Structure formats: structure tokens, C-alpha cells
Amino acid sequence: MKTGIGRVLNDVRLLGREMLEDPYPVYAELRETDPVHWDERLRAWVLTRYDDVALALNDARFSSSQRVAIGRRRFQQPKLQELFDSL
């Protein structure tokens, strides 16, 4: 098992029943032991500290705008434009 950034926690199911019932213990453990957590099931990074989230939201490198522009060029059907507008 890895330690530190990217460490995989055993049986952490961020979308499972346990999380819906009481997510706070899992978030507290992630904040303490793995605040920048890679979730293999979600295939996504999970940020659990305010400062990390604020940094990511304000850093253009983490913006989805490039992906939206690529999607808009690739899928030019008029009915999809509203989706791209909302993204």
C-alpha cells in the first residue's frame, strides 16, 4: 500500500451506502492521512482540504474548458450545444 499523496485506502467507497449514511469519518480520515486521494473506482482525484480545493478551482490547469471546447468541435449536433453551454 502507498503512503502519502495518492495512497489507496482499503475499502473506501466514496459513493457507497456507508458514505451516504455518515460520510464524515471517511472524510476526516482522508483529510488526516491522504488529503489528495486517488480513487480507482471513480478514476478521479478527491481533494478533502479547503485550501487544496480552492487552489484547484482557481488554477486554469485544472479547468474543464479545454475539454468542453474539444467536445464542442467534435460533436457539432445542434441538440448538444445546450449541453456544452451549460458545461
N, C-alpha and C. Protein backbone atom coordinates (compact mmCIF):
# COMPACT_ATOMS: atom_id res chain seq x y z
N MET A 1 0.84 -1.18 0.00
CA MET A 1 0.00 0.00 0.00
C MET A 1 0.88 1.24 0.00
N LYS A 2 0.50 2.24 -0.76
CA LYS A 2 1.23 3.50 -0.79
C LYS A 2 0.95 4.30 0.48
N THR A 3 1.83 5.23 0.79
CA THR A 3 1.58 6.18 1.86
C THR A 3 1.71 7.57 1.29
N GLY A 4 1.02 8.52 1.89
CA GLY A 4 1.11 9.91 1.43
C GLY A 4 0.18 10.18 0.26
N ILE A 5 0.55 11.13 -0.57
CA ILE A 5 -0.28 11.53 -1.69
C ILE A 5 -0.52 10.34 -2.61
N GLY A 6 -1.76 10.11 -2.94
CA GLY A 6 -2.11 9.03 -3.83
C GLY A 6 -2.23 7.68 -3.14
N ARG A 7 -2.11 7.64 -1.83
CA ARG A 7 -2.23 6.38 -1.09
C ARG A 7 -3.63 5.81 -1.28
N VAL A 8 -3.73 4.51 -1.43
CA VAL A 8 -5.03 3.86 -1.62
C VAL A 8 -5.52 3.37 -0.26
N LEU A 9 -6.67 3.85 0.18
CA LEU A 9 -7.25 3.39 1.43
C LEU A 9 -8.05 2.13 1.18
N ASN A 10 -7.96 1.19 2.07
CA ASN A 10 -8.70 -0.06 1.91
C ASN A 10 -10.20 0.18 2.01
N ASP A 11 -10.92 -0.31 1.01
CA ASP A 11 -12.39 -0.32 1.02
C ASP A 11 -13.04 1.05 1.20
N VAL A 12 -12.41 2.11 0.75
CA VAL A 12 -13.06 3.41 0.78
C VAL A 12 -13.98 3.47 -0.43
N ARG A 13 -15.25 3.56 -0.19
CA ARG A 13 -16.22 3.65 -1.27
C ARG A 13 -16.92 4.99 -1.16
N LEU A 14 -16.45 5.93 -1.94
CA LEU A 14 -16.94 7.29 -1.82
C LEU A 14 -18.38 7.44 -2.28
N LEU A 15 -18.89 6.47 -3.00
CA LEU A 15 -20.29 6.53 -3.42
C LEU A 15 -21.10 5.38 -2.83
N GLY A 16 -20.58 4.73 -1.81
CA GLY A 16 -21.27 3.59 -1.22
C GLY A 16 -22.28 3.98 -0.14
N ARG A 17 -22.99 2.99 0.34
CA ARG A 17 -24.04 3.18 1.35
C ARG A 17 -23.48 3.82 2.63
N GLU A 18 -22.29 3.35 3.05
CA GLU A 18 -21.70 3.87 4.27
C GLU A 18 -21.48 5.39 4.18
N MET A 19 -21.04 5.83 3.02
CA MET A 19 -20.80 7.26 2.83
C MET A 19 -22.11 8.05 2.85
N LEU A 20 -23.15 7.48 2.29
CA LEU A 20 -24.44 8.17 2.30
C LEU A 20 -24.98 8.29 3.72
N GLU A 21 -24.75 7.26 4.52
CA GLU A 21 -25.26 7.26 5.89
C GLU A 21 -24.46 8.19 6.80
N ASP A 22 -23.13 8.17 6.69
CA ASP A 22 -22.29 9.00 7.55
C ASP A 22 -20.92 9.21 6.89
N PRO A 23 -20.80 10.24 6.04
CA PRO A 23 -19.55 10.44 5.31
C PRO A 23 -18.42 11.05 6.14
N TYR A 24 -18.74 11.63 7.27
CA TYR A 24 -17.76 12.44 7.99
C TYR A 24 -16.53 11.67 8.49
N PRO A 25 -16.66 10.45 9.00
CA PRO A 25 -15.45 9.72 9.41
C PRO A 25 -14.49 9.45 8.25
N VAL A 26 -15.03 9.13 7.09
CA VAL A 26 -14.17 8.86 5.93
C VAL A 26 -13.47 10.13 5.49
N TYR A 27 -14.21 11.23 5.41
CA TYR A 27 -13.59 12.50 5.02
C TYR A 27 -12.53 12.92 6.04
N ALA A 28 -12.81 12.72 7.32
CA ALA A 28 -11.83 13.07 8.35
C ALA A 28 -10.56 12.24 8.19
N GLU A 29 -10.71 10.93 7.92
CA GLU A 29 -9.53 10.09 7.73
C GLU A 29 -8.76 10.52 6.48
N LEU A 30 -9.47 10.83 5.41
CA LEU A 30 -8.80 11.28 4.20
C LEU A 30 -8.05 12.59 4.45
N ARG A 31 -8.68 13.53 5.15
CA ARG A 31 -8.00 14.80 5.44
C ARG A 31 -6.74 14.59 6.25
N GLU A 32 -6.78 13.64 7.18
CA GLU A 32 -5.63 13.38 8.05
C GLU A 32 -4.53 12.58 7.35
N THR A 33 -4.90 11.57 6.57
CA THR A 33 -3.91 10.62 6.07
C THR A 33 -3.65 10.71 4.57
N ASP A 34 -4.60 11.23 3.80
CA ASP A 34 -4.48 11.22 2.34
C ASP A 34 -5.33 12.34 1.74
N PRO A 35 -4.98 13.59 2.00
CA PRO A 35 -5.85 14.70 1.60
C PRO A 35 -5.99 14.87 0.09
N VAL A 36 -5.04 14.35 -0.68
CA VAL A 36 -5.14 14.35 -2.14
C VAL A 36 -5.22 12.87 -2.52
N HIS A 37 -6.44 12.36 -2.61
CA HIS A 37 -6.69 10.92 -2.71
C HIS A 37 -7.08 10.52 -4.12
N TRP A 38 -6.40 9.51 -4.67
CA TRP A 38 -6.80 8.95 -5.96
C TRP A 38 -7.79 7.82 -5.69
N ASP A 39 -8.99 7.93 -6.26
CA ASP A 39 -10.00 6.89 -6.11
C ASP A 39 -10.04 6.09 -7.41
N GLU A 40 -9.63 4.83 -7.32
CA GLU A 40 -9.55 4.00 -8.51
C GLU A 40 -10.92 3.72 -9.11
N ARG A 41 -11.92 3.54 -8.26
CA ARG A 41 -13.27 3.27 -8.77
C ARG A 41 -13.83 4.46 -9.53
N LEU A 42 -13.61 5.66 -9.00
CA LEU A 42 -14.08 6.88 -9.67
C LEU A 42 -13.13 7.31 -10.79
N ARG A 43 -11.89 6.79 -10.72
CA ARG A 43 -10.82 7.21 -11.63
C ARG A 43 -10.69 8.73 -11.60
N ALA A 44 -10.60 9.23 -10.36
CA ALA A 44 -10.55 10.67 -10.15
C ALA A 44 -9.82 10.97 -8.84
N TRP A 45 -9.26 12.18 -8.79
CA TRP A 45 -8.65 12.67 -7.56
C TRP A 45 -9.75 13.25 -6.69
N VAL A 46 -9.65 13.02 -5.40
CA VAL A 46 -10.59 13.56 -4.42
C VAL A 46 -9.79 14.46 -3.48
N LEU A 47 -10.14 15.73 -3.45
CA LEU A 47 -9.48 16.70 -2.58
C LEU A 47 -10.36 16.91 -1.36
N THR A 48 -9.77 16.85 -0.17
CA THR A 48 -10.58 16.93 1.04
C THR A 48 -10.28 18.14 1.92
N ARG A 49 -9.29 18.94 1.54
CA ARG A 49 -8.96 20.14 2.32
C ARG A 49 -9.38 21.38 1.55
N TYR A 50 -9.91 22.34 2.27
CA TYR A 50 -10.42 23.58 1.66
C TYR A 50 -9.36 24.26 0.80
N ASP A 51 -8.15 24.41 1.33
CA ASP A 51 -7.11 25.12 0.58
C ASP A 51 -6.77 24.42 -0.74
N ASP A 52 -6.76 23.09 -0.73
CA ASP A 52 -6.49 22.35 -1.97
C ASP A 52 -7.61 22.53 -2.98
N VAL A 53 -8.85 22.48 -2.51
CA VAL A 53 -10.00 22.67 -3.41
C VAL A 53 -9.98 24.07 -3.98
N ALA A 54 -9.76 25.08 -3.14
CA ALA A 54 -9.72 26.47 -3.61
C ALA A 54 -8.61 26.67 -4.65
N LEU A 55 -7.45 26.07 -4.40
CA LEU A 55 -6.35 26.17 -5.35
C LEU A 55 -6.74 25.56 -6.70
N ALA A 56 -7.30 24.36 -6.67
CA ALA A 56 -7.68 23.68 -7.91
C ALA A 56 -8.76 24.44 -8.67
N LEU A 57 -9.72 25.01 -7.95
CA LEU A 57 -10.80 25.74 -8.62
C LEU A 57 -10.31 27.04 -9.26
N ASN A 58 -9.22 27.58 -8.76
CA ASN A 58 -8.72 28.85 -9.27
C ASN A 58 -7.49 28.71 -10.17
N ASP A 59 -7.12 27.48 -10.50
CA ASP A 59 -5.95 27.24 -11.34
C ASP A 59 -6.42 26.77 -12.72
N ALA A 60 -6.08 27.52 -13.75
CA ALA A 60 -6.55 27.22 -15.11
C ALA A 60 -6.10 25.84 -15.58
N ARG A 61 -5.03 25.31 -15.01
CA ARG A 61 -4.56 23.97 -15.43
C ARG A 61 -5.58 22.89 -15.11
N PHE A 62 -6.46 23.15 -14.16
CA PHE A 62 -7.47 22.16 -13.77
C PHE A 62 -8.82 22.45 -14.39
N SER A 63 -8.89 23.39 -15.29
CA SER A 63 -10.15 23.80 -15.91
C SER A 63 -10.63 22.75 -16.90
N SER A 64 -11.93 22.61 -16.98
CA SER A 64 -12.51 21.70 -17.96
C SER A 64 -12.82 22.42 -19.27
N SER A 65 -12.51 23.70 -19.37
CA SER A 65 -12.89 24.47 -20.56
C SER A 65 -12.26 23.92 -21.83
N GLN A 66 -11.04 23.41 -21.73
CA GLN A 66 -10.41 22.83 -22.92
C GLN A 66 -11.16 21.59 -23.39
N ARG A 67 -11.60 20.77 -22.45
CA ARG A 67 -12.35 19.57 -22.82
C ARG A 67 -13.69 19.93 -23.43
N VAL A 68 -14.32 20.98 -22.93
CA VAL A 68 -15.60 21.42 -23.48
C VAL A 68 -15.39 21.91 -24.91
N ALA A 69 -14.34 22.68 -25.14
CA ALA A 69 -14.06 23.19 -26.48
C ALA A 69 -13.79 22.05 -27.45
N ILE A 70 -13.06 21.04 -27.02
CA ILE A 70 -12.79 19.88 -27.86
C ILE A 70 -14.08 19.14 -28.18
N GLY A 71 -14.91 18.94 -27.16
CA GLY A 71 -16.20 18.27 -27.36
C GLY A 71 -17.11 19.05 -28.29
N ARG A 72 -17.13 20.37 -28.13
CA ARG A 72 -17.96 21.22 -28.99
C ARG A 72 -17.54 21.10 -30.45
N ARG A 73 -16.22 21.05 -30.71
CA ARG A 73 -15.74 20.90 -32.09
C ARG A 73 -16.03 19.51 -32.64
N ARG A 74 -15.87 18.51 -31.77
CA ARG A 74 -16.04 17.13 -32.24
C ARG A 74 -17.50 16.75 -32.46
N PHE A 75 -18.37 17.20 -31.58
CA PHE A 75 -19.80 16.86 -31.66
C PHE A 75 -20.59 18.14 -31.95
N GLN A 76 -20.82 18.40 -33.20
CA GLN A 76 -21.42 19.68 -33.59
C GLN A 76 -22.94 19.62 -33.77
N GLN A 77 -23.57 18.54 -33.32
CA GLN A 77 -25.02 18.46 -33.44
C GLN A 77 -25.67 19.59 -32.62
N PRO A 78 -26.64 20.28 -33.23
CA PRO A 78 -27.28 21.41 -32.54
C PRO A 78 -27.86 21.03 -31.17
N LYS A 79 -28.41 19.82 -31.05
CA LYS A 79 -29.02 19.45 -29.77
C LYS A 79 -27.99 19.32 -28.64
N LEU A 80 -26.71 19.15 -28.97
CA LEU A 80 -25.68 19.05 -27.94
C LEU A 80 -25.13 20.40 -27.52
N GLN A 81 -25.41 21.45 -28.26
CA GLN A 81 -24.84 22.75 -27.94
C GLN A 81 -25.32 23.26 -26.57
N GLU A 82 -26.57 22.98 -26.22
CA GLU A 82 -27.05 23.40 -24.90
C GLU A 82 -26.26 22.71 -23.78
N LEU A 83 -25.92 21.45 -23.99
CA LEU A 83 -25.10 20.74 -23.01
C LEU A 83 -23.75 21.43 -22.87
N PHE A 84 -23.10 21.72 -23.98
CA PHE A 84 -21.79 22.36 -23.92
C PHE A 84 -21.90 23.76 -23.31
N ASP A 85 -23.00 24.47 -23.57
CA ASP A 85 -23.19 25.79 -22.97
C ASP A 85 -23.28 25.69 -21.46
N SER A 86 -23.93 24.64 -20.95
CA SER A 86 -24.08 24.52 -19.50
C SER A 86 -22.78 24.08 -18.84
N LEU A 87 -21.93 23.35 -19.60
CA LEU A 87 -20.66 22.93 -19.01
C LEU A 87 -19.68 24.10 -18.97
